[in-house]
C-alpha atoms as a PDB file:
ATOM      1  CA  MET A   1     116.037 111.525 113.591  1.00  0.00           C
ATOM      2  CA  HIS A   2     112.734 109.561 113.419  1.00  0.00           C
ATOM      3  CA  LEU A   3     109.787 111.061 111.534  1.00  0.00           C
ATOM      4  CA  HIS A   4     106.467 109.290 112.244  1.00  0.00           C
ATOM      5  CA  ILE A   5     103.800 110.009 109.623  1.00  0.00           C
ATOM      6  CA  ILE A   6     100.201 109.365 110.681  1.00  0.00           C
ATOM      7  CA  SER A   7      97.115 109.139 108.428  1.00  0.00           C
ATOM      8  CA  ALA A   8      94.504 111.337 110.128  1.00  0.00           C
ATOM      9  CA  GLY A   9      91.491 109.659 111.743  1.00  0.00           C
ATOM     10  CA  GLU A  10      89.144 110.175 114.656  1.00  0.00           C
ATOM     11  CA  SER A  11      91.099 107.868 117.025  1.00  0.00           C
ATOM     12  CA  ILE A  12      94.717 108.599 116.355  1.00  0.00           C
ATOM     13  CA  HIS A  13      95.146 110.257 119.769  1.00  0.00           C
ATOM     14  CA  GLY A  14      94.301 106.926 121.347  1.00  0.00           C
ATOM     15  CA  THR A  15      96.771 104.893 119.322  1.00  0.00           C
ATOM     16  CA  PHE A  16      99.610 107.373 119.079  1.00  0.00           C
ATOM     17  CA  PRO A  17     100.890 106.537 122.683  1.00  0.00           C
ATOM     18  CA  THR A  18     101.161 102.886 121.628  1.00  0.00           C
ATOM     19  CA  ALA A  19     103.419 103.959 118.741  1.00  0.00           C
ATOM     20  CA  LEU A  20     105.503 106.052 121.099  1.00  0.00           C
ATOM     21  CA  LYS A  21     105.870 103.123 123.434  1.00  0.00           C
ATOM     22  CA  ASN A  22     106.772 100.502 120.835  1.00  0.00           C
ATOM     23  CA  LEU A  23     108.839 102.318 118.264  1.00  0.00           C
ATOM     24  CA  GLU A  24     112.377 103.515 118.804  1.00  0.00           C
ATOM     25  CA  ARG A  25     112.463 107.176 119.763  1.00  0.00           C
ATOM     26  CA  ILE A  26     110.126 109.250 117.635  1.00  0.00           C
ATOM     27  CA  THR A  27     111.464 112.824 117.318  1.00  0.00           C
ATOM     28  CA  HIS A  28     109.033 114.270 114.795  1.00  0.00           C
ATOM     29  CA  VAL A  29     105.361 113.555 113.962  1.00  0.00           C
ATOM     30  CA  ALA A  30     103.411 114.667 110.885  1.00  0.00           C
ATOM     31  CA  VAL A  31      99.641 114.036 110.567  1.00  0.00           C
ATOM     32  CA  VAL A  32      98.466 113.883 106.983  1.00  0.00           C
ATOM     33  CA  VAL A  33      94.894 115.220 106.597  1.00  0.00           C
ATOM     34  CA  GLU A  34      92.635 116.377 103.789  1.00  0.00           C
ATOM     35  CA  LYS A  35      91.843 120.102 103.753  1.00  0.00           C
ATOM     36  CA  ASP A  36      88.169 119.205 103.476  1.00  0.00           C
ATOM     37  CA  ILE A  37      88.222 117.948 107.022  1.00  0.00           C
ATOM     38  CA  TYR A  38      88.421 121.547 108.176  1.00  0.00           C
ATOM     39  CA  SER A  39      85.574 122.806 106.103  1.00  0.00           C
ATOM     40  CA  GLU A  40      81.776 122.238 106.110  1.00  0.00           C
ATOM     41  CA  LYS A  41      80.093 121.500 102.837  1.00  0.00           C
ATOM     42  CA  ILE A  42      76.417 121.566 102.022  1.00  0.00           C
ATOM     43  CA  ASP A  43      76.563 118.151 100.420  1.00  0.00           C
ATOM     44  CA  ASP A  44      78.422 116.526 103.362  1.00  0.00           C
ATOM     45  CA  SER A  45      76.737 113.305 104.527  1.00  0.00           C
ATOM     46  CA  LEU A  46      75.524 112.997 108.062  1.00  0.00           C
ATOM     47  CA  TYR A  47      78.510 110.720 108.728  1.00  0.00           C
ATOM     48  CA  LEU A  48      80.976 113.413 107.555  1.00  0.00           C
ATOM     49  CA  LYS A  49      79.243 116.076 109.638  1.00  0.00           C
ATOM     50  CA  LYS A  50      79.807 113.954 112.700  1.00  0.00           C
ATOM     51  CA  THR A  51      83.213 112.666 111.836  1.00  0.00           C
ATOM     52  CA  LYS A  52      85.041 115.834 110.760  1.00  0.00           C
ATOM     53  CA  PRO A  53      84.964 117.496 114.257  1.00  0.00           C
ATOM     54  CA  LYS A  54      86.200 114.200 115.814  1.00  0.00           C
ATOM     55  CA  ILE A  55      89.176 114.048 113.474  1.00  0.00           C
ATOM     56  CA  GLN A  56      89.994 117.709 114.157  1.00  0.00           C
ATOM     57  CA  GLU A  57      89.845 117.011 117.892  1.00  0.00           C
ATOM     58  CA  SER A  58      91.947 113.880 117.623  1.00  0.00           C
ATOM     59  CA  ILE A  59      94.658 115.734 115.715  1.00  0.00           C
ATOM     60  CA  SER A  60      94.623 118.479 118.333  1.00  0.00           C
ATOM     61  CA  LYS A  61      95.117 115.931 121.078  1.00  0.00           C
ATOM     62  CA  VAL A  62      98.099 114.381 119.209  1.00  0.00           C
ATOM     63  CA  LYS A  63      99.550 117.860 119.007  1.00  0.00           C
ATOM     64  CA  VAL A  64      99.187 118.280 122.757  1.00  0.00           C
ATOM     65  CA  GLN A  65     100.716 114.868 123.344  1.00  0.00           C
ATOM     66  CA  CYS A  66     103.713 115.756 121.217  1.00  0.00           C
ATOM     67  CA  LYS A  67     104.196 119.067 123.054  1.00  0.00           C
ATOM     68  CA  THR A  68     104.172 117.254 126.391  1.00  0.00           C
ATOM     69  CA  ILE A  69     107.051 114.991 125.396  1.00  0.00           C
ATOM     70  CA  ALA A  70     109.022 117.524 123.320  1.00  0.00           C
ATOM     71  CA  VAL A  71     108.290 115.825 119.980  1.00  0.00           C
ATOM     72  CA  THR A  72     108.065 118.198 116.996  1.00  0.00           C
ATOM     73  CA  PHE A  73     104.520 118.203 115.501  1.00  0.00           C
ATOM     74  CA  SER A  74     103.349 119.282 112.082  1.00  0.00           C
ATOM     75  CA  GLU A  75     100.171 118.963 110.116  1.00  0.00           C
ATOM     76  CA  VAL A  76     100.296 118.165 106.394  1.00  0.00           C
ATOM     77  CA  LYS A  77      97.164 119.239 104.615  1.00  0.00           C
ATOM     78  CA  ILE A  78      96.414 117.787 101.198  1.00  0.00           C
ATOM     79  CA  GLU A  79      93.895 118.653  98.489  1.00  0.00           C
ATOM     80  CA  ASP A  80      92.785 115.090  98.148  1.00  0.00           C
ATOM     81  CA  THR A  81      93.865 111.544  98.902  1.00  0.00           C
ATOM     82  CA  SER A  82      95.173 110.721  95.418  1.00  0.00           C
ATOM     83  CA  LEU A  83      98.715 109.350  95.081  1.00  0.00           C
ATOM     84  CA  ILE A  84      99.897 112.478  93.333  1.00  0.00           C
ATOM     85  CA  SER A  85      98.631 114.768  96.092  1.00  0.00           C
ATOM     86  CA  VAL A  86     100.083 112.526  98.845  1.00  0.00           C
ATOM     87  CA  ARG A  87     103.379 112.199  96.919  1.00  0.00           C
ATOM     88  CA  ASN A  88     103.869 115.939  96.524  1.00  0.00           C
ATOM     89  CA  ALA A  89     102.997 116.580 100.137  1.00  0.00           C
ATOM     90  CA  ILE A  90     105.350 113.853 101.511  1.00  0.00           C
ATOM     91  CA  LEU A  91     108.233 114.861  99.282  1.00  0.00           C
ATOM     92  CA  GLU A  92     107.829 118.481 100.328  1.00  0.00           C
ATOM     93  CA  LEU A  93     107.755 117.366 103.963  1.00  0.00           C
ATOM     94  CA  ILE A  94     110.985 115.375 103.894  1.00  0.00           C
ATOM     95  CA  THR A  95     112.910 118.142 102.189  1.00  0.00           C
ATOM     96  CA  HIS A  96     113.050 119.720 105.670  1.00  0.00           C
ATOM     97  CA  TYR A  97     115.137 116.821 107.020  1.00  0.00           C
ATOM     98  CA  ASN A  98     118.522 115.331 106.339  1.00  0.00           C
ATOM     99  CA  PRO A  99     117.782 112.132 104.354  1.00  0.00           C
ATOM    100  CA  GLU A 100     120.990 110.456 105.493  1.00  0.00           C
ATOM    101  CA  ASN A 101     119.872 110.557 109.092  1.00  0.00           C
ATOM    102  CA  LEU A 102     116.107 110.191 108.622  1.00  0.00           C
ATOM    103  CA  ARG A 103     114.127 107.163 109.700  1.00  0.00           C
ATOM    104  CA  LEU A 104     110.618 107.132 108.340  1.00  0.00           C
ATOM    105  CA  SER A 105     107.688 105.262 109.831  1.00  0.00           C
ATOM    106  CA  PHE A 106     104.049 105.316 108.814  1.00  0.00           C
ATOM    107  CA  ASN A 107     100.944 104.550 110.943  1.00  0.00           C
ATOM    108  CA  LEU A 108      98.178 103.907 108.441  1.00  0.00           C
ATOM    109  CA  SER A 109      95.341 102.955 110.797  1.00  0.00           C
ATOM    110  CA  GLY A 110      93.446 106.234 110.485  1.00  0.00           C
ATOM    111  CA  GLY A 111      91.767 107.921 107.575  1.00  0.00           C
ATOM    112  CA  THR A 112      90.214 106.587 104.396  1.00  0.00           C
ATOM    113  CA  LYS A 113      91.445 103.538 102.452  1.00  0.00           C
ATOM    114  CA  GLN A 114      92.669 105.752  99.650  1.00  0.00           C
ATOM    115  CA  LEU A 115      94.787 107.900 102.015  1.00  0.00           C
ATOM    116  CA  SER A 116      96.271 104.773 103.663  1.00  0.00           C
ATOM    117  CA  LEU A 117      97.062 103.185 100.275  1.00  0.00           C
ATOM    118  CA  SER A 118      98.720 106.373  98.890  1.00  0.00           C
ATOM    119  CA  LEU A 119     100.851 106.609 102.043  1.00  0.00           C
ATOM    120  CA  PHE A 120     101.748 102.926 101.795  1.00  0.00           C
ATOM    121  CA  VAL A 121     103.054 103.442  98.267  1.00  0.00           C
ATOM    122  CA  MET A 122     105.143 106.338  99.537  1.00  0.00           C
ATOM    123  CA  ALA A 123     106.496 104.081 102.302  1.00  0.00           C
ATOM    124  CA  ILE A 124     107.639 101.665  99.621  1.00  0.00           C
ATOM    125  CA  TRP A 125     109.354 104.396  97.524  1.00  0.00           C
ATOM    126  CA  LEU A 126     111.033 105.995 100.575  1.00  0.00           C
ATOM    127  CA  ASP A 127     112.058 102.771 102.273  1.00  0.00           C
ATOM    128  CA  GLY A 128     109.830 103.555 105.237  1.00  0.00           C
ATOM    129  CA  GLU A 129     108.375 101.284 107.932  1.00  0.00           C
ATOM    130  CA  VAL A 130     104.670 100.518 107.945  1.00  0.00           C
ATOM    131  CA  TYR A 131     102.643  99.986 111.061  1.00  0.00           C
ATOM    132  CA  LEU A 132      98.977  99.557 111.989  1.00  0.00           C
ATOM    133  CA  THR A 133      97.519 100.108 115.410  1.00  0.00           C
ATOM    134  CA  PRO A 134      94.115  98.418 115.181  1.00  0.00           C
ATOM    135  CA  GLU A 135      93.631  98.890 118.970  1.00  0.00           C
ATOM    136  CA  GLU A 136      95.033 101.264 121.503  1.00  0.00           C
ATOM    137  CA  GLU A 137      97.316  98.692 123.123  1.00  0.00           C
ATOM    138  CA  SER A 138      98.477  96.822 120.005  1.00  0.00           C
ATOM    139  CA  ILE A 139     100.830  97.585 117.058  1.00  0.00           C
ATOM    140  CA  LYS A 140     101.570  95.538 113.968  1.00  0.00           C
ATOM    141  CA  HIS A 141     104.534  95.913 111.684  1.00  0.00           C
ATOM    142  CA  PHE A 142     104.098  95.201 107.939  1.00  0.00           C
ATOM    143  CA  SER A 143     107.402  94.215 106.354  1.00  0.00           C
ATOM    144  CA  ILE A 144     108.110  95.755 102.952  1.00  0.00           C
ATOM    145  CA  PRO A 145     110.354  93.670 100.666  1.00  0.00           C
ATOM    146  CA  LYS A 146     113.747  95.306  99.911  1.00  0.00           C
ATOM    147  CA  MET A 147     113.939  93.699  96.541  1.00  0.00           C
ATOM    148  CA  TYR A 148     111.854  92.284  93.670  1.00  0.00           C
ATOM    149  CA  LEU A 149     111.513  88.560  93.125  1.00  0.00           C
ATOM    150  CA  ARG A 150     112.993  89.132  89.635  1.00  0.00           C
ATOM    151  CA  ASP A 151     116.198  90.273  91.383  1.00  0.00           C
ATOM    152  CA  ILE A 152     116.423  86.860  92.929  1.00  0.00           C
ATOM    153  CA  ARG A 153     115.560  85.050  89.779  1.00  0.00           C
ATOM    154  CA  LYS A 154     118.428  86.780  87.900  1.00  0.00           C
ATOM    155  CA  ASN A 155     120.863  84.592  89.659  1.00  0.00           C
ATOM    156  CA  PRO A 156     119.795  80.915  90.147  1.00  0.00           C
ATOM    157  CA  ASN A 157     122.372  80.659  92.974  1.00  0.00           C
ATOM    158  CA  TYR A 158     120.284  83.106  95.046  1.00  0.00           C
ATOM    159  CA  VAL A 159     117.374  80.837  94.764  1.00  0.00           C
ATOM    160  CA  GLN A 160     119.470  77.803  95.501  1.00  0.00           C
ATOM    161  CA  ALA A 161     120.801  79.459  98.636  1.00  0.00           C
ATOM    162  CA  LEU A 162     117.254  79.980  99.922  1.00  0.00           C
ATOM    163  CA  VAL A 163     116.403  76.331  99.083  1.00  0.00           C
ATOM    164  CA  ILE A 164     119.407  75.047 100.902  1.00  0.00           C
ATOM    165  CA  LEU A 165     118.671  77.089 104.009  1.00  0.00           C
ATOM    166  CA  GLY A 166     115.009  76.230 103.824  1.00  0.00           C
ATOM    167  CA  ASP A 167     115.806  72.484 103.643  1.00  0.00           C
ATOM    168  CA  TYR A 168     118.145  72.738 106.627  1.00  0.00           C
ATOM    169  CA  MET A 169     115.503  74.542 108.657  1.00  0.00           C
ATOM    170  CA  GLY A 170     113.019  71.758 107.927  1.00  0.00           C
ATOM    171  CA  LEU A 171     110.648  73.756 105.799  1.00  0.00           C
ATOM    172  CA  LYS A 172     110.430  70.888 103.325  1.00  0.00           C
ATOM    173  CA  MET A 173     109.294  68.416 105.982  1.00  0.00           C
ATOM    174  CA  ASN A 174     107.204  71.048 107.788  1.00  0.00           C
ATOM    175  CA  THR A 175     109.134  70.379 111.050  1.00  0.00           C
ATOM    176  CA  ASN A 176     109.638  72.725 113.953  1.00  0.00           C
ATOM    177  CA  ASN A 177     113.120  73.859 113.125  1.00  0.00           C
ATOM    178  CA  LYS A 178     112.207  77.323 111.898  1.00  0.00           C
ATOM    179  CA  ASN A 179     114.895  78.792 114.214  1.00  0.00           C
ATOM    180  CA  LYS A 180     117.641  76.403 113.220  1.00  0.00           C
ATOM    181  CA  TRP A 181     120.902  78.003 112.101  1.00  0.00           C
ATOM    182  CA  MET A 182     123.034  76.385 109.389  1.00  0.00           C
ATOM    183  CA  PRO A 183     126.819  76.416 109.948  1.00  0.00           C
ATOM    184  CA  GLY A 184     128.706  78.353 107.310  1.00  0.00           C
ATOM    185  CA  LYS A 185     130.886  75.435 106.303  1.00  0.00           C
ATOM    186  CA  ALA A 186     127.831  73.143 105.765  1.00  0.00           C
ATOM    187  CA  PHE A 187     126.180  75.873 103.730  1.00  0.00           C
ATOM    188  CA  ALA A 188     129.294  76.451 101.560  1.00  0.00           C
ATOM    189  CA  LYS A 189     129.609  72.733 100.909  1.00  0.00           C
ATOM    190  CA  GLU A 190     126.004  72.443  99.713  1.00  0.00           C
ATOM    191  CA  MET A 191     126.270  75.580  97.722  1.00  0.00           C
ATOM    192  CA  ILE A 192     129.438  74.588  95.912  1.00  0.00           C
ATOM    193  CA  SER A 193     127.969  71.160  94.982  1.00  0.00           C
ATOM    194  CA  THR A 194     124.910  72.798  93.357  1.00  0.00           C
ATOM    195  CA  TYR A 195     126.553  75.991  92.062  1.00  0.00           C
ATOM    196  CA  THR A 196     125.426  77.336  88.689  1.00  0.00           C
ATOM    197  CA  THR A 197     128.127  79.022  86.625  1.00  0.00           C
ATOM    198  CA  ILE A 198     127.251  82.682  86.211  1.00  0.00           C
ATOM    199  CA  ARG A 199     128.909  86.092  85.885  1.00  0.00           C
ATOM    200  CA  PHE A 200     128.257  88.239  88.962  1.00  0.00           C
ATOM    201  CA  LYS A 201     127.764  91.995  88.762  1.00  0.00           C
ATOM    202  CA  ASP A 202     131.039  93.909  88.198  1.00  0.00           C
ATOM    203  CA  ASP A 203     132.877  90.649  87.313  1.00  0.00           C
ATOM    204  CA  LYS A 204     134.723  90.488  84.033  1.00  0.00           C
ATOM    205  CA  LYS A 205     134.115  86.793  83.489  1.00  0.00           C
ATOM    206  CA  GLN A 206     131.993  83.878  84.754  1.00  0.00           C
ATOM    207  CA  GLU A 207     133.123  82.134  87.860  1.00  0.00           C
ATOM    208  CA  ARG A 208     133.187  78.426  86.833  1.00  0.00           C
ATOM    209  CA  THR A 209     134.749  77.160  90.073  1.00  0.00           C
ATOM    210  CA  PRO A 210     133.120  78.611  93.161  1.00  0.00           C
ATOM    211  CA  HIS A 211     135.267  79.587  96.154  1.00  0.00           C
ATOM    212  CA  ARG A 212     134.859  81.383  99.467  1.00  0.00           C
ATOM    213  CA  GLY A 213     134.545  84.759  97.697  1.00  0.00           C
ATOM    214  CA  THR A 214     131.784  83.273  95.542  1.00  0.00           C
ATOM    215  CA  ILE A 215     129.787  82.199  98.526  1.00  0.00           C
ATOM    216  CA  THR A 216     130.102  85.700  99.990  1.00  0.00           C
ATOM    217  CA  LYS A 217     128.870  87.211  96.688  1.00  0.00           C
ATOM    218  CA  ILE A 218     125.774  84.926  96.911  1.00  0.00           C
ATOM    219  CA  LEU A 219     125.020  85.624 100.544  1.00  0.00           C
ATOM    220  CA  SER A 220     125.727  89.353 100.716  1.00  0.00           C
ATOM    221  CA  PRO A 221     122.673  90.567  98.664  1.00  0.00           C
ATOM    222  CA  LEU A 222     120.418  88.063 100.409  1.00  0.00           C
ATOM    223  CA  ILE A 223     121.496  89.454 103.759  1.00  0.00           C
ATOM    224  CA  GLU A 224     121.156  93.047 102.487  1.00  0.00           C
ATOM    225  CA  TRP A 225     117.599  92.241 101.287  1.00  0.00           C
ATOM    226  CA  GLU A 226     116.906  90.856 104.767  1.00  0.00           C
ATOM    227  CA  LEU A 227     116.037  87.393 103.419  1.00  0.00           C
ATOM    228  CA  VAL A 228     118.938  85.689 105.228  1.00  0.00           C
ATOM    229  CA  GLU A 229     120.141  86.366 108.701  1.00  0.00           C
ATOM    230  CA  GLU A 230     123.814  86.017 109.692  1.00  0.00           C
ATOM    231  CA  ARG A 231     125.598  85.636 113.054  1.00  0.00           C
ATOM    232  CA  GLN A 232     128.749  84.279 114.695  1.00  0.00           C
ATOM    233  CA  ARG A 233     128.509  80.651 115.816  1.00  0.00           C
ATOM    234  CA  PRO A 234     128.081  80.589 119.585  1.00  0.00           C
ATOM    235  CA  ASN A 235     130.850  77.968 120.113  1.00  0.00           C
ATOM    236  CA  ASN A 236     133.062  79.001 117.230  1.00  0.00           C
ATOM    237  CA  LYS A 237     133.773  82.657 116.796  1.00  0.00           C
ATOM    238  CA  ARG A 238     135.725  81.981 113.607  1.00  0.00           C
ATOM    239  CA  GLU A 239     132.719  80.661 111.770  1.00  0.00           C
ATOM    240  CA  LYS A 240     129.413  82.180 110.929  1.00  0.00           C
ATOM    241  CA  GLU A 241     126.004  80.553 110.548  1.00  0.00           C
ATOM    242  CA  TYR A 242     122.825  81.462 108.649  1.00  0.00           C
ATOM    243  CA  ARG A 243     119.084  81.016 108.573  1.00  0.00           C
ATOM    244  CA  LEU A 244     116.172  82.376 106.626  1.00  0.00           C
ATOM    245  CA  THR A 245     114.283  85.409 108.023  1.00  0.00           C
ATOM    246  CA  GLN A 246     110.480  85.498 107.923  1.00  0.00           C
ATOM    247  CA  ASP A 247     110.798  87.494 104.651  1.00  0.00           C
ATOM    248  CA  GLY A 248     113.142  84.744 103.296  1.00  0.00           C
ATOM    249  CA  ILE A 249     110.652  82.084 104.183  1.00  0.00           C
ATOM    250  CA  PHE A 250     107.913  84.157 102.496  1.00  0.00           C
ATOM    251  CA  ALA A 251     110.019  84.619  99.316  1.00  0.00           C
ATOM    252  CA  LEU A 252     110.897  80.919  99.194  1.00  0.00           C
ATOM    253  CA  SER A 253     107.236  80.027  99.527  1.00  0.00           C
ATOM    254  CA  ILE A 254     106.418  82.156  96.444  1.00  0.00           C
ATOM    255  CA  LEU A 255     109.306  80.755  94.476  1.00  0.00           C
ATOM    256  CA  CYS A 256     108.267  77.177  95.421  1.00  0.00           C
ATOM    257  CA  SER A 257     104.750  77.863  94.129  1.00  0.00           C
ATOM    258  CA  GLU A 258     106.232  78.701  90.766  1.00  0.00           C
ATOM    259  CA  GLY A 259     107.929  75.315  90.536  1.00  0.00           C
ATOM    260  CA  ARG A 260     109.996  75.793  87.343  1.00  0.00           C
ATOM    261  CA  SER A 261     111.845  78.762  88.867  1.00  0.00           C
ATOM    262  CA  LEU A 262     113.574  76.513  91.443  1.00  0.00           C
ATOM    263  CA  PRO A 263     116.852  74.640  90.823  1.00  0.00           C
ATOM    264  CA  ILE A 264     115.345  71.888  93.028  1.00  0.00           C
ATOM    265  CA  THR A 265     111.761  71.442  92.017  1.00  0.00           C
ATOM    266  CA  ASN A 266     110.675  69.002  94.688  1.00  0.00           C
ATOM    267  CA  VAL A 267     111.021  71.562  97.513  1.00  0.00           C
ATOM    268  CA  ASP A 268     107.715  72.238  99.139  1.00  0.00           C
ATOM    269  CA  ASN A 269     107.091  74.648 101.984  1.00  0.00           C
END
């Protein structure tokens, strides 16, 4: 089940087909809109008087588009665009779905900045995907980190693993090896030679002598956080190989800028 949440705007009917085309099957759509959009106020500016009917019309067109392709449509009306109002509305919305099977995506191109920011915060809390459709034919994905940098800093071996892979990919020399995969054996050799003694979570004692299981403990969270990518070696199915993802390169760049946080301080991306 894929719930696609849209911040209401006057052009969402034009960009919604792009989301349908580029995102894996959307089954449900919810448009988040302020209640004020459906009411006229004496103190409304000329801009609001012109824009409100356009937003209403755009929402209606999205509803028709959904009906045409058998996608469930709902409209979520909020009192205001504050984080609390948006939070309450989104949490109420998702109670109608099974969280175990629910994929959440957010299109934040429409509406006010405050509405988009409030929905962005909810995407972070709910592990949702964030997209922008600046034009009718284009869509951009904004990756949300699955961890905090402090989670990486807790174990210097996590940082060292990023450094090793970054060096192998040529980031230090600014070469064109960004897609280069490092063989598992080569990574393990480098990791063992620079290993910092530490007690891993759920371990009763520190591991002073690293082994294959230790390497797995170092790599597993980095893969789970989508900082490191893993695959079978093309010519050796018994061995795996690794490289940094774009998020991994991004995280390493930030850690490099801190200098002292790195086990190897002369790494420069």
